Amino acid sequence: MKRYEKFADDIAELIRSGVLGPGQRVPSVRYASQTYGVSPSTVFQAYYLLERRGLIRARPRSGYFVNTHAPSPFSEPVISSQVNESTKVDVSELVFSVLESIKDPSTVPFGSAFPSPTLFPLQRLSRSLASAAREMDPRMVVTDMSPGNPQLRRQIALRYMVGGLMLPMEELLITNGALEALNLCLQAVTEPGDLVAIEAPAFYASLQVLERLKLKAVEIPVHPRDGIDLGVLAQTLERHPIKACWCMTSFQNPMGATMPEAKKQELVELLKQHQVPLIEDDVYAELYYGQQAPKPAKAFDTEGLVMHCGSFAKSLAPGYRIGWVAAG
């Protein structure tokens, strides 16, 4: 992150938290430069960036002021700290009804996690598929069995490496989308009737999986700012025989929360104490803002208890159904 971007983020946080209110003047370029130890050009660049974001506006010969229509801080919901009992999952009928309504071309599917198909670079994707088909080794027709295409697994391992996580390609299993990876993880560590700690609210498909596998859910509340409540999770692990924890640590669906790295590490340590595997649903990992993608909880795993599931569905094309799991 460049220096002016960092300074702009600092000012933006003051606006979002209410320290600088609508219509209030922000520090002048000279004052900000002297006080925060940055050059005037850095301050100018930061303020220009904030103007583009709609957070501040310049007034001739008066300086910069917080936009009167700048986003005001939302009141945060009250999160229950109560430890929940296990419940039988029964959601399939409702989910199928919602999914059926999404198919109606006369409606805009706000409940869908996918953009309009017209927004995809279909011609470029088609050319890439055609090129891959022409160059395909004929033996791949019969040899591309589990754990998956070696070239694809190697490239995914390289993507992990770029993010600071060293995973040998031998640990990667290619699946038919991330949901199959998550299914396989649950089947590997649970039996019908077992209890699974799951976020509340949770992605509807995760509830469907629990229902299909005849597992019981123990809900753990999720805060919209920093994710799952570790205090409630700790109490739940003490009270219930939890066999697995299913968690979206980055860009949680539907709350959008991303756990800070320190909290991800704390989550891994907590589950390690109880020898409970973490099924990390990280399908939104590549939709990050900024210079660096957030580290997954898998980065803090030292005992192979974190099963990291990923996919290109949200960043490439959902219909390709390319997923994987690094199971440890």
C-alpha atoms as a PDB file:
ATOM      1  CA  MET A   1       0.000   0.000   0.000  1.00  0.00           C
ATOM      2  CA  LYS A   2       1.346   3.419  -0.972  1.00  0.00           C
ATOM      3  CA  ARG A   3       1.827   6.101   1.648  1.00  0.00           C
ATOM      4  CA  TYR A   4      -0.939   8.368   0.385  1.00  0.00           C
ATOM      5  CA  GLU A   5      -3.363   5.406   0.339  1.00  0.00           C
ATOM      6  CA  LYS A   6      -2.530   4.625   3.958  1.00  0.00           C
ATOM      7  CA  PHE A   7      -3.048   8.266   4.943  1.00  0.00           C
ATOM      8  CA  ALA A   8      -6.341   8.365   3.021  1.00  0.00           C
ATOM      9  CA  ASP A   9      -7.510   5.218   4.827  1.00  0.00           C
ATOM     10  CA  ASP A  10      -6.665   6.800   8.189  1.00  0.00           C
ATOM     11  CA  ILE A  11      -8.749   9.898   7.394  1.00  0.00           C
ATOM     12  CA  ALA A  12     -11.556   7.723   6.007  1.00  0.00           C
ATOM     13  CA  GLU A  13     -11.668   5.792   9.273  1.00  0.00           C
ATOM     14  CA  LEU A  14     -12.013   9.059  11.210  1.00  0.00           C
ATOM     15  CA  ILE A  15     -14.981   9.923   8.999  1.00  0.00           C
ATOM     16  CA  ARG A  16     -16.619   6.509   9.259  1.00  0.00           C
ATOM     17  CA  SER A  17     -16.209   6.394  13.037  1.00  0.00           C
ATOM     18  CA  GLY A  18     -17.783   9.839  13.417  1.00  0.00           C
ATOM     19  CA  VAL A  19     -14.673  11.651  14.676  1.00  0.00           C
ATOM     20  CA  LEU A  20     -14.957  13.904  11.629  1.00  0.00           C
ATOM     21  CA  GLY A  21     -18.642  14.630  11.047  1.00  0.00           C
ATOM     22  CA  PRO A  22     -20.489  15.803   7.918  1.00  0.00           C
ATOM     23  CA  GLY A  23     -19.550  19.371   6.983  1.00  0.00           C
ATOM     24  CA  GLN A  24     -16.551  19.427   9.324  1.00  0.00           C
ATOM     25  CA  ARG A  25     -13.233  20.660   8.000  1.00  0.00           C
ATOM     26  CA  VAL A  26     -10.469  18.091   7.668  1.00  0.00           C
ATOM     27  CA  PRO A  27      -6.871  19.055   8.535  1.00  0.00           C
ATOM     28  CA  SER A  28      -5.365  21.498   6.063  1.00  0.00           C
ATOM     29  CA  VAL A  29      -2.652  20.259   3.729  1.00  0.00           C
ATOM     30  CA  ARG A  30       0.033  22.209   5.594  1.00  0.00           C
ATOM     31  CA  TYR A  31      -1.173  21.118   9.049  1.00  0.00           C
ATOM     32  CA  ALA A  32      -1.524  17.467   8.010  1.00  0.00           C
ATOM     33  CA  SER A  33       1.930  17.491   6.428  1.00  0.00           C
ATOM     34  CA  GLN A  34       3.592  18.925   9.541  1.00  0.00           C
ATOM     35  CA  THR A  35       1.582  16.930  12.088  1.00  0.00           C
ATOM     36  CA  TYR A  36       1.683  13.498  10.472  1.00  0.00           C
ATOM     37  CA  GLY A  37       5.154  13.744   8.962  1.00  0.00           C
ATOM     38  CA  VAL A  38       4.161  13.328   5.326  1.00  0.00           C
ATOM     39  CA  SER A  39       4.886  15.508   2.326  1.00  0.00           C
ATOM     40  CA  PRO A  40       2.304  18.005   1.028  1.00  0.00           C
ATOM     41  CA  SER A  41       2.081  16.018  -2.222  1.00  0.00           C
ATOM     42  CA  THR A  42       1.183  12.901  -0.212  1.00  0.00           C
ATOM     43  CA  VAL A  43      -1.622  14.816   1.520  1.00  0.00           C
ATOM     44  CA  PHE A  44      -2.872  16.192  -1.821  1.00  0.00           C
ATOM     45  CA  GLN A  45      -2.943  12.686  -3.318  1.00  0.00           C
ATOM     46  CA  ALA A  46      -4.752  11.324  -0.269  1.00  0.00           C
ATOM     47  CA  TYR A  47      -7.370  14.075  -0.356  1.00  0.00           C
ATOM     48  CA  TYR A  48      -7.879  13.588  -4.088  1.00  0.00           C
ATOM     49  CA  LEU A  49      -8.472   9.892  -3.419  1.00  0.00           C
ATOM     50  CA  LEU A  50     -10.977  10.731  -0.675  1.00  0.00           C
ATOM     51  CA  GLU A  51     -12.756  13.100  -3.068  1.00  0.00           C
ATOM     52  CA  ARG A  52     -13.082  10.281  -5.587  1.00  0.00           C
ATOM     53  CA  ARG A  53     -14.556   8.084  -2.868  1.00  0.00           C
ATOM     54  CA  GLY A  54     -17.130  10.773  -2.134  1.00  0.00           C
ATOM     55  CA  LEU A  55     -15.973  11.264   1.449  1.00  0.00           C
ATOM     56  CA  ILE A  56     -14.687  14.859   1.241  1.00  0.00           C
ATOM     57  CA  ARG A  57     -15.020  17.860  -1.064  1.00  0.00           C
ATOM     58  CA  ALA A  58     -12.849  20.892  -1.710  1.00  0.00           C
ATOM     59  CA  ARG A  59     -14.163  24.415  -1.212  1.00  0.00           C
ATOM     60  CA  PRO A  60     -12.323  27.193  -3.070  1.00  0.00           C
ATOM     61  CA  ARG A  61      -9.963  29.091  -0.729  1.00  0.00           C
ATOM     62  CA  SER A  62     -11.438  27.288   2.277  1.00  0.00           C
ATOM     63  CA  GLY A  63      -9.883  23.839   2.278  1.00  0.00           C
ATOM     64  CA  TYR A  64     -11.357  20.361   2.414  1.00  0.00           C
ATOM     65  CA  PHE A  65     -14.547  19.383   4.230  1.00  0.00           C
ATOM     66  CA  VAL A  66     -16.318  16.133   4.999  1.00  0.00           C
ATOM     67  CA  ASN A  67     -19.052  15.639   2.441  1.00  0.00           C
ATOM     68  CA  THR A  68     -22.471  16.276   3.948  1.00  0.00           C
ATOM     69  CA  HIS A  69     -23.643  13.143   2.158  1.00  0.00           C
ATOM     70  CA  ALA A  70     -20.686  11.048   3.293  1.00  0.00           C
ATOM     71  CA  PRO A  71     -21.606   7.559   4.493  1.00  0.00           C
ATOM     72  CA  SER A  72     -22.475   7.733   8.178  1.00  0.00           C
ATOM     73  CA  PRO A  73     -21.455   4.897  10.508  1.00  0.00           C
ATOM     74  CA  PHE A  74     -24.054   2.167  10.823  1.00  0.00           C
ATOM     75  CA  SER A  75     -25.273   1.159  14.225  1.00  0.00           C
ATOM     76  CA  GLU A  76     -23.869  -2.287  14.893  1.00  0.00           C
ATOM     77  CA  PRO A  77     -26.281  -5.097  15.743  1.00  0.00           C
ATOM     78  CA  VAL A  78     -26.452  -6.592  19.196  1.00  0.00           C
ATOM     79  CA  ILE A  79     -24.772  -9.992  19.064  1.00  0.00           C
ATOM     80  CA  SER A  80     -26.061 -12.629  21.467  1.00  0.00           C
ATOM     81  CA  SER A  81     -23.426 -14.239  23.696  1.00  0.00           C
ATOM     82  CA  GLN A  82     -25.689 -17.157  24.529  1.00  0.00           C
ATOM     83  CA  VAL A  83     -24.431 -20.692  23.912  1.00  0.00           C
ATOM     84  CA  ASN A  84     -26.932 -22.427  21.635  1.00  0.00           C
ATOM     85  CA  GLU A  85     -28.153 -25.995  21.742  1.00  0.00           C
ATOM     86  CA  SER A  86     -27.830 -28.269  18.731  1.00  0.00           C
ATOM     87  CA  THR A  87     -30.666 -28.201  16.220  1.00  0.00           C
ATOM     88  CA  LYS A  88     -31.813 -30.414  13.387  1.00  0.00           C
ATOM     89  CA  VAL A  89     -31.395 -28.692  10.028  1.00  0.00           C
ATOM     90  CA  ASP A  90     -34.419 -28.538   7.708  1.00  0.00           C
ATOM     91  CA  VAL A  91     -33.979 -25.911   4.993  1.00  0.00           C
ATOM     92  CA  SER A  92     -33.979 -27.695   1.628  1.00  0.00           C
ATOM     93  CA  GLU A  93     -37.583 -26.951   0.679  1.00  0.00           C
ATOM     94  CA  LEU A  94     -37.128 -23.229   1.327  1.00  0.00           C
ATOM     95  CA  VAL A  95     -33.768 -23.116  -0.474  1.00  0.00           C
ATOM     96  CA  PHE A  96     -35.087 -24.891  -3.569  1.00  0.00           C
ATOM     97  CA  SER A  97     -38.018 -22.475  -3.671  1.00  0.00           C
ATOM     98  CA  VAL A  98     -35.674 -19.478  -3.588  1.00  0.00           C
ATOM     99  CA  LEU A  99     -33.343 -20.961  -6.214  1.00  0.00           C
ATOM    100  CA  GLU A 100     -36.294 -21.650  -8.494  1.00  0.00           C
ATOM    101  CA  SER A 101     -37.369 -18.006  -8.290  1.00  0.00           C
ATOM    102  CA  ILE A 102     -33.872 -16.880  -9.312  1.00  0.00           C
ATOM    103  CA  LYS A 103     -34.327 -18.574 -12.702  1.00  0.00           C
ATOM    104  CA  ASP A 104     -37.124 -16.165 -13.630  1.00  0.00           C
ATOM    105  CA  PRO A 105     -35.576 -13.876 -16.324  1.00  0.00           C
ATOM    106  CA  SER A 106     -38.082 -11.118 -15.546  1.00  0.00           C
ATOM    107  CA  THR A 107     -36.652 -10.579 -12.057  1.00  0.00           C
ATOM    108  CA  VAL A 108     -33.345  -9.277 -10.742  1.00  0.00           C
ATOM    109  CA  PRO A 109     -31.899 -11.996  -8.452  1.00  0.00           C
ATOM    110  CA  PHE A 110     -30.674  -9.923  -5.509  1.00  0.00           C
ATOM    111  CA  GLY A 111     -30.376 -13.140  -3.510  1.00  0.00           C
ATOM    112  CA  SER A 112     -27.844 -14.594  -5.936  1.00  0.00           C
ATOM    113  CA  ALA A 113     -24.103 -14.473  -5.296  1.00  0.00           C
ATOM    114  CA  PHE A 114     -23.350 -14.105  -9.011  1.00  0.00           C
ATOM    115  CA  PRO A 115     -23.373 -11.037 -11.283  1.00  0.00           C
ATOM    116  CA  SER A 116     -25.230 -10.844 -14.563  1.00  0.00           C
ATOM    117  CA  PRO A 117     -23.832 -13.298 -17.158  1.00  0.00           C
ATOM    118  CA  THR A 118     -23.488 -10.369 -19.570  1.00  0.00           C
ATOM    119  CA  LEU A 119     -20.722  -8.933 -17.392  1.00  0.00           C
ATOM    120  CA  PHE A 120     -18.410 -11.910 -17.916  1.00  0.00           C
ATOM    121  CA  PRO A 121     -15.691 -11.651 -20.621  1.00  0.00           C
ATOM    122  CA  LEU A 122     -17.334 -14.521 -22.490  1.00  0.00           C
ATOM    123  CA  GLN A 123     -15.275 -14.225 -25.688  1.00  0.00           C
ATOM    124  CA  ARG A 124     -11.967 -14.286 -23.823  1.00  0.00           C
ATOM    125  CA  LEU A 125     -13.107 -17.185 -21.665  1.00  0.00           C
ATOM    126  CA  SER A 126     -14.226 -19.105 -24.756  1.00  0.00           C
ATOM    127  CA  ARG A 127     -10.875 -18.526 -26.475  1.00  0.00           C
ATOM    128  CA  SER A 128      -9.046 -19.743 -23.383  1.00  0.00           C
ATOM    129  CA  LEU A 129     -11.159 -22.902 -23.236  1.00  0.00           C
ATOM    130  CA  ALA A 130     -10.622 -23.574 -26.937  1.00  0.00           C
ATOM    131  CA  SER A 131      -6.873 -23.065 -26.603  1.00  0.00           C
ATOM    132  CA  ALA A 132      -6.699 -25.406 -23.614  1.00  0.00           C
ATOM    133  CA  ALA A 133      -8.680 -28.061 -25.498  1.00  0.00           C
ATOM    134  CA  ARG A 134      -6.333 -27.877 -28.510  1.00  0.00           C
ATOM    135  CA  GLU A 135      -3.217 -28.229 -26.365  1.00  0.00           C
ATOM    136  CA  MET A 136      -4.629 -30.946 -24.118  1.00  0.00           C
ATOM    137  CA  ASP A 137      -2.599 -34.119 -23.806  1.00  0.00           C
ATOM    138  CA  PRO A 138      -4.858 -36.943 -25.091  1.00  0.00           C
ATOM    139  CA  ARG A 139      -3.900 -39.022 -22.063  1.00  0.00           C
ATOM    140  CA  MET A 140      -5.699 -36.510 -19.838  1.00  0.00           C
ATOM    141  CA  VAL A 141      -8.999 -37.988 -21.010  1.00  0.00           C
ATOM    142  CA  VAL A 142      -8.255 -41.149 -19.025  1.00  0.00           C
ATOM    143  CA  THR A 143      -5.597 -40.090 -16.514  1.00  0.00           C
ATOM    144  CA  ASP A 144      -7.073 -36.887 -15.030  1.00  0.00           C
ATOM    145  CA  MET A 145      -8.534 -38.730 -12.090  1.00  0.00           C
ATOM    146  CA  SER A 146      -8.328 -37.752  -8.438  1.00  0.00           C
ATOM    147  CA  PRO A 147      -6.465 -35.824  -7.073  1.00  0.00           C
ATOM    148  CA  GLY A 148      -6.789 -33.813 -10.305  1.00  0.00           C
ATOM    149  CA  ASN A 149      -4.814 -32.307 -13.150  1.00  0.00           C
ATOM    150  CA  PRO A 150      -1.152 -31.857 -12.101  1.00  0.00           C
ATOM    151  CA  GLN A 151      -0.742 -28.572 -14.001  1.00  0.00           C
ATOM    152  CA  LEU A 152      -3.824 -27.080 -12.357  1.00  0.00           C
ATOM    153  CA  ARG A 153      -2.723 -28.230  -8.911  1.00  0.00           C
ATOM    154  CA  ARG A 154       0.744 -26.767  -9.512  1.00  0.00           C
ATOM    155  CA  GLN A 155      -0.712 -23.378 -10.468  1.00  0.00           C
ATOM    156  CA  ILE A 156      -2.970 -23.348  -7.407  1.00  0.00           C
ATOM    157  CA  ALA A 157       0.032 -24.202  -5.227  1.00  0.00           C
ATOM    158  CA  LEU A 158       1.871 -21.245  -6.798  1.00  0.00           C
ATOM    159  CA  ARG A 159      -1.057 -18.965  -5.946  1.00  0.00           C
ATOM    160  CA  TYR A 160      -0.811 -20.101  -2.343  1.00  0.00           C
ATOM    161  CA  MET A 161       2.920 -19.347  -2.424  1.00  0.00           C
ATOM    162  CA  VAL A 162       2.307 -15.801  -3.692  1.00  0.00           C
ATOM    163  CA  GLY A 163       0.035 -15.321  -0.679  1.00  0.00           C
ATOM    164  CA  GLY A 164       2.782 -16.479   1.681  1.00  0.00           C
ATOM    165  CA  LEU A 165       1.504 -20.020   2.248  1.00  0.00           C
ATOM    166  CA  MET A 166       3.769 -22.900   1.245  1.00  0.00           C
ATOM    167  CA  LEU A 167       1.632 -25.892   0.278  1.00  0.00           C
ATOM    168  CA  PRO A 168       2.970 -28.786  -1.813  1.00  0.00           C
ATOM    169  CA  MET A 169       0.739 -29.655  -4.743  1.00  0.00           C
ATOM    170  CA  GLU A 170       0.451 -33.173  -3.303  1.00  0.00           C
ATOM    171  CA  GLU A 171      -1.824 -31.742  -0.594  1.00  0.00           C
ATOM    172  CA  LEU A 172      -4.294 -30.355  -3.137  1.00  0.00           C
ATOM    173  CA  LEU A 173      -7.385 -32.208  -4.331  1.00  0.00           C
ATOM    174  CA  ILE A 174      -9.340 -30.788  -7.281  1.00  0.00           C
ATOM    175  CA  THR A 175     -13.119 -30.956  -6.855  1.00  0.00           C
ATOM    176  CA  ASN A 176     -16.290 -30.165  -8.759  1.00  0.00           C
ATOM    177  CA  GLY A 177     -16.582 -26.707  -7.213  1.00  0.00           C
ATOM    178  CA  ALA A 178     -15.966 -25.623  -3.634  1.00  0.00           C
ATOM    179  CA  LEU A 179     -19.201 -27.131  -2.352  1.00  0.00           C
ATOM    180  CA  GLU A 180     -18.008 -30.641  -3.213  1.00  0.00           C
ATOM    181  CA  ALA A 181     -14.764 -29.898  -1.367  1.00  0.00           C
ATOM    182  CA  LEU A 182     -16.728 -28.802   1.694  1.00  0.00           C
ATOM    183  CA  ASN A 183     -18.926 -31.903   1.436  1.00  0.00           C
ATOM    184  CA  LEU A 184     -15.894 -34.188   1.318  1.00  0.00           C
ATOM    185  CA  CYS A 185     -14.340 -32.483   4.333  1.00  0.00           C
ATOM    186  CA  LEU A 186     -17.472 -32.938   6.427  1.00  0.00           C
ATOM    187  CA  GLN A 187     -17.862 -36.560   5.371  1.00  0.00           C
ATOM    188  CA  ALA A 188     -14.240 -37.232   6.321  1.00  0.00           C
ATOM    189  CA  VAL A 189     -14.563 -36.038   9.925  1.00  0.00           C
ATOM    190  CA  THR A 190     -18.219 -36.594  10.893  1.00  0.00           C
ATOM    191  CA  GLU A 191     -20.905 -39.252  11.094  1.00  0.00           C
ATOM    192  CA  PRO A 192     -24.707 -38.861  11.026  1.00  0.00           C
ATOM    193  CA  GLY A 193     -25.926 -37.293  14.255  1.00  0.00           C
ATOM    194  CA  ASP A 194     -22.661 -35.451  14.989  1.00  0.00           C
ATOM    195  CA  LEU A 195     -22.615 -31.788  16.019  1.00  0.00           C
ATOM    196  CA  VAL A 196     -21.023 -29.142  13.798  1.00  0.00           C
ATOM    197  CA  ALA A 197     -20.310 -25.569  14.884  1.00  0.00           C
ATOM    198  CA  ILE A 198     -21.542 -23.246  12.159  1.00  0.00           C
ATOM    199  CA  GLU A 199     -21.819 -19.488  11.761  1.00  0.00           C
ATOM    200  CA  ALA A 200     -25.101 -17.685  12.332  1.00  0.00           C
ATOM    201  CA  PRO A 201     -26.182 -16.357   9.933  1.00  0.00           C
ATOM    202  CA  ALA A 202     -24.676 -18.879   7.519  1.00  0.00           C
ATOM    203  CA  PHE A 203     -24.534 -19.524   3.792  1.00  0.00           C
ATOM    204  CA  TYR A 204     -27.684 -21.474   2.892  1.00  0.00           C
ATOM    205  CA  ALA A 205     -25.757 -24.208   1.047  1.00  0.00           C
ATOM    206  CA  SER A 206     -23.830 -25.079   4.201  1.00  0.00           C
ATOM    207  CA  LEU A 207     -27.133 -25.729   5.950  1.00  0.00           C
ATOM    208  CA  GLN A 208     -28.226 -27.934   3.062  1.00  0.00           C
ATOM    209  CA  VAL A 209     -25.054 -29.989   3.401  1.00  0.00           C
ATOM    210  CA  LEU A 210     -25.635 -30.515   7.115  1.00  0.00           C
ATOM    211  CA  GLU A 211     -29.207 -31.581   6.419  1.00  0.00           C
ATOM    212  CA  ARG A 212     -28.187 -34.044   3.708  1.00  0.00           C
ATOM    213  CA  LEU A 213     -25.491 -35.619   5.915  1.00  0.00           C
ATOM    214  CA  LYS A 214     -27.916 -35.792   8.871  1.00  0.00           C
ATOM    215  CA  LEU A 215     -25.691 -33.584  11.028  1.00  0.00           C
ATOM    216  CA  LYS A 216     -26.843 -31.207  13.752  1.00  0.00           C
ATOM    217  CA  ALA A 217     -25.909 -27.526  13.777  1.00  0.00           C
ATOM    218  CA  VAL A 218     -24.727 -25.524  16.762  1.00  0.00           C
ATOM    219  CA  GLU A 219     -24.942 -21.863  15.788  1.00  0.00           C
ATOM    220  CA  ILE A 220     -22.131 -19.440  16.656  1.00  0.00           C
ATOM    221  CA  PRO A 221     -22.968 -15.734  16.175  1.00  0.00           C
ATOM    222  CA  VAL A 222     -21.039 -13.694  13.616  1.00  0.00           C
ATOM    223  CA  HIS A 223     -20.164 -10.029  14.092  1.00  0.00           C
ATOM    224  CA  PRO A 224     -20.301  -7.956  10.872  1.00  0.00           C
ATOM    225  CA  ARG A 225     -16.961  -6.330  11.665  1.00  0.00           C
ATOM    226  CA  ASP A 226     -14.636  -9.194  12.621  1.00  0.00           C
ATOM    227  CA  GLY A 227     -16.468 -12.465  12.171  1.00  0.00           C
ATOM    228  CA  ILE A 228     -17.308 -15.385  14.408  1.00  0.00           C
ATOM    229  CA  ASP A 229     -17.598 -14.842  18.181  1.00  0.00           C
ATOM    230  CA  LEU A 230     -14.679 -16.766  19.654  1.00  0.00           C
ATOM    231  CA  GLY A 231     -15.995 -16.381  23.195  1.00  0.00           C
ATOM    232  CA  VAL A 232     -19.219 -18.186  22.344  1.00  0.00           C
ATOM    233  CA  LEU A 233     -17.286 -20.756  20.314  1.00  0.00           C
ATOM    234  CA  ALA A 234     -15.008 -21.476  23.284  1.00  0.00           C
ATOM    235  CA  GLN A 235     -18.007 -22.036  25.566  1.00  0.00           C
ATOM    236  CA  THR A 236     -19.658 -24.209  22.927  1.00  0.00           C
ATOM    237  CA  LEU A 237     -16.572 -26.401  22.635  1.00  0.00           C
ATOM    238  CA  GLU A 238     -16.611 -26.889  26.406  1.00  0.00           C
ATOM    239  CA  ARG A 239     -20.309 -27.767  26.534  1.00  0.00           C
ATOM    240  CA  HIS A 240     -20.873 -29.797  23.357  1.00  0.00           C
ATOM    241  CA  PRO A 241     -18.986 -32.646  21.611  1.00  0.00           C
ATOM    242  CA  ILE A 242     -18.309 -30.628  18.468  1.00  0.00           C
ATOM    243  CA  LYS A 243     -16.822 -32.721  15.649  1.00  0.00           C
ATOM    244  CA  ALA A 244     -16.055 -29.916  13.185  1.00  0.00           C
ATOM    245  CA  CYS A 245     -16.271 -26.152  12.752  1.00  0.00           C
ATOM    246  CA  TRP A 246     -17.359 -24.714   9.391  1.00  0.00           C
ATOM    247  CA  CYS A 247     -16.300 -21.084   9.026  1.00  0.00           C
ATOM    248  CA  MET A 248     -15.839 -18.411   6.341  1.00  0.00           C
ATOM    249  CA  THR A 249     -12.917 -16.412   7.709  1.00  0.00           C
ATOM    250  CA  SER A 250     -12.767 -13.842   4.885  1.00  0.00           C
ATOM    251  CA  PHE A 251     -15.745 -11.980   3.367  1.00  0.00           C
ATOM    252  CA  GLN A 252     -18.284 -14.098   5.210  1.00  0.00           C
ATOM    253  CA  ASN A 253     -21.572 -14.739   3.443  1.00  0.00           C
ATOM    254  CA  PRO A 254     -23.972 -13.082   4.239  1.00  0.00           C
ATOM    255  CA  MET A 255     -22.400 -10.657   6.769  1.00  0.00           C
ATOM    256  CA  GLY A 256     -19.310  -9.737   4.743  1.00  0.00           C
ATOM    257  CA  ALA A 257     -16.994  -9.881   7.766  1.00  0.00           C
ATOM    258  CA  THR A 258     -13.285 -10.601   7.481  1.00  0.00           C
ATOM    259  CA  MET A 259     -11.505 -11.843  10.581  1.00  0.00           C
ATOM    260  CA  PRO A 260      -8.247 -10.024  11.423  1.00  0.00           C
ATOM    261  CA  GLU A 261      -5.149 -12.204  11.150  1.00  0.00           C
ATOM    262  CA  ALA A 262      -4.682 -12.254  14.923  1.00  0.00           C
ATOM    263  CA  LYS A 263      -8.232 -13.532  15.354  1.00  0.00           C
ATOM    264  CA  LYS A 264      -7.742 -16.207  12.692  1.00  0.00           C
ATOM    265  CA  GLN A 265      -4.681 -17.404  14.570  1.00  0.00           C
ATOM    266  CA  GLU A 266      -6.670 -17.395  17.815  1.00  0.00           C
ATOM    267  CA  LEU A 267      -9.413 -19.436  16.128  1.00  0.00           C
ATOM    268  CA  VAL A 268      -6.905 -22.056  14.988  1.00  0.00           C
ATOM    269  CA  GLU A 269      -5.335 -22.249  18.457  1.00  0.00           C
ATOM    270  CA  LEU A 270      -8.741 -22.596  20.123  1.00  0.00           C
ATOM    271  CA  LEU A 271      -9.771 -25.463  17.871  1.00  0.00           C
ATOM    272  CA  LYS A 272      -6.355 -27.094  18.279  1.00  0.00           C
ATOM    273  CA  GLN A 273      -6.854 -27.211  22.051  1.00  0.00           C
ATOM    274  CA  HIS A 274      -9.997 -29.277  21.506  1.00  0.00           C
ATOM    275  CA  GLN A 275      -8.648 -31.175  18.465  1.00  0.00           C
ATOM    276  CA  VAL A 276     -11.596 -30.004  16.384  1.00  0.00           C
ATOM    277  CA  PRO A 277     -10.934 -29.664  12.633  1.00  0.00           C
ATOM    278  CA  LEU A 278     -11.698 -26.355  10.938  1.00  0.00           C
ATOM    279  CA  ILE A 279     -13.366 -26.485   7.535  1.00  0.00           C
ATOM    280  CA  GLU A 280     -12.384 -23.110   6.090  1.00  0.00           C
ATOM    281  CA  ASP A 281     -14.741 -21.960   3.337  1.00  0.00           C
ATOM    282  CA  ASP A 282     -12.633 -19.403   1.444  1.00  0.00           C
ATOM    283  CA  VAL A 283     -14.485 -19.070  -1.862  1.00  0.00           C
ATOM    284  CA  TYR A 284     -14.504 -15.254  -1.725  1.00  0.00           C
ATOM    285  CA  ALA A 285     -10.774 -14.937  -0.994  1.00  0.00           C
ATOM    286  CA  GLU A 286      -9.862 -13.373  -4.339  1.00  0.00           C
ATOM    287  CA  LEU A 287     -12.495 -10.640  -4.125  1.00  0.00           C
ATOM    288  CA  TYR A 288     -10.339  -8.576  -1.789  1.00  0.00           C
ATOM    289  CA  TYR A 289      -9.733  -4.838  -1.901  1.00  0.00           C
ATOM    290  CA  GLY A 290      -6.251  -3.437  -1.532  1.00  0.00           C
ATOM    291  CA  GLN A 291      -2.793  -4.696  -2.319  1.00  0.00           C
ATOM    292  CA  GLN A 292      -2.754  -8.037  -0.510  1.00  0.00           C
ATOM    293  CA  ALA A 293      -5.322 -10.776  -0.062  1.00  0.00           C
ATOM    294  CA  PRO A 294      -6.094 -11.609   3.573  1.00  0.00           C
ATOM    295  CA  LYS A 295      -4.265 -14.652   4.881  1.00  0.00           C
ATOM    296  CA  PRO A 296      -6.459 -17.697   5.452  1.00  0.00           C
ATOM    297  CA  ALA A 297      -6.615 -19.442   8.809  1.00  0.00           C
ATOM    298  CA  LYS A 298      -4.745 -22.256   7.054  1.00  0.00           C
ATOM    299  CA  ALA A 299      -1.621 -20.071   7.229  1.00  0.00           C
ATOM    300  CA  PHE A 300      -1.567 -20.552  11.024  1.00  0.00           C
ATOM    301  CA  ASP A 301      -2.177 -24.312  10.971  1.00  0.00           C
ATOM    302  CA  THR A 302       0.704 -26.368  12.365  1.00  0.00           C
ATOM    303  CA  GLU A 303      -1.067 -29.694  12.935  1.00  0.00           C
ATOM    304  CA  GLY A 304      -3.073 -30.236   9.759  1.00  0.00           C
ATOM    305  CA  LEU A 305      -6.401 -29.458  11.434  1.00  0.00           C
ATOM    306  CA  VAL A 306      -7.457 -26.798   8.908  1.00  0.00           C
ATOM    307  CA  MET A 307      -9.062 -27.980   5.670  1.00  0.00           C
ATOM    308  CA  HIS A 308      -8.914 -25.018   3.300  1.00  0.00           C
ATOM    309  CA  CYS A 309     -11.514 -25.017   0.508  1.00  0.00           C
ATOM    310  CA  GLY A 310     -11.289 -22.645  -2.440  1.00  0.00           C
ATOM    311  CA  SER A 311     -12.767 -22.030  -5.865  1.00  0.00           C
ATOM    312  CA  PHE A 312     -12.586 -19.837  -8.958  1.00  0.00           C
ATOM    313  CA  ALA A 313     -16.386 -19.518  -9.022  1.00  0.00           C
ATOM    314  CA  LYS A 314     -16.460 -15.943  -7.732  1.00  0.00           C
ATOM    315  CA  SER A 315     -13.450 -14.613  -9.646  1.00  0.00           C
ATOM    316  CA  LEU A 316     -13.526 -16.501 -12.971  1.00  0.00           C
ATOM    317  CA  ALA A 317     -16.832 -18.185 -13.838  1.00  0.00           C
ATOM    318  CA  PRO A 318     -19.167 -20.158 -11.569  1.00  0.00           C
ATOM    319  CA  GLY A 319     -20.199 -22.538 -14.336  1.00  0.00           C
ATOM    320  CA  TYR A 320     -16.670 -23.922 -14.659  1.00  0.00           C
ATOM    321  CA  ARG A 321     -17.104 -25.685 -11.308  1.00  0.00           C
ATOM    322  CA  ILE A 322     -13.400 -25.629 -10.411  1.00  0.00           C
ATOM    323  CA  GLY A 323     -12.771 -26.070  -6.714  1.00  0.00           C
ATOM    324  CA  TRP A 324     -10.149 -27.597  -4.483  1.00  0.00           C
ATOM    325  CA  VAL A 325      -9.263 -28.477  -0.936  1.00  0.00           C
ATOM    326  CA  ALA A 326      -5.940 -28.332   0.889  1.00  0.00           C
ATOM    327  CA  ALA A 327      -6.786 -30.848   3.571  1.00  0.00           C
ATOM    328  CA  GLY A 328      -3.509 -31.002   5.497  1.00  0.00           C
END
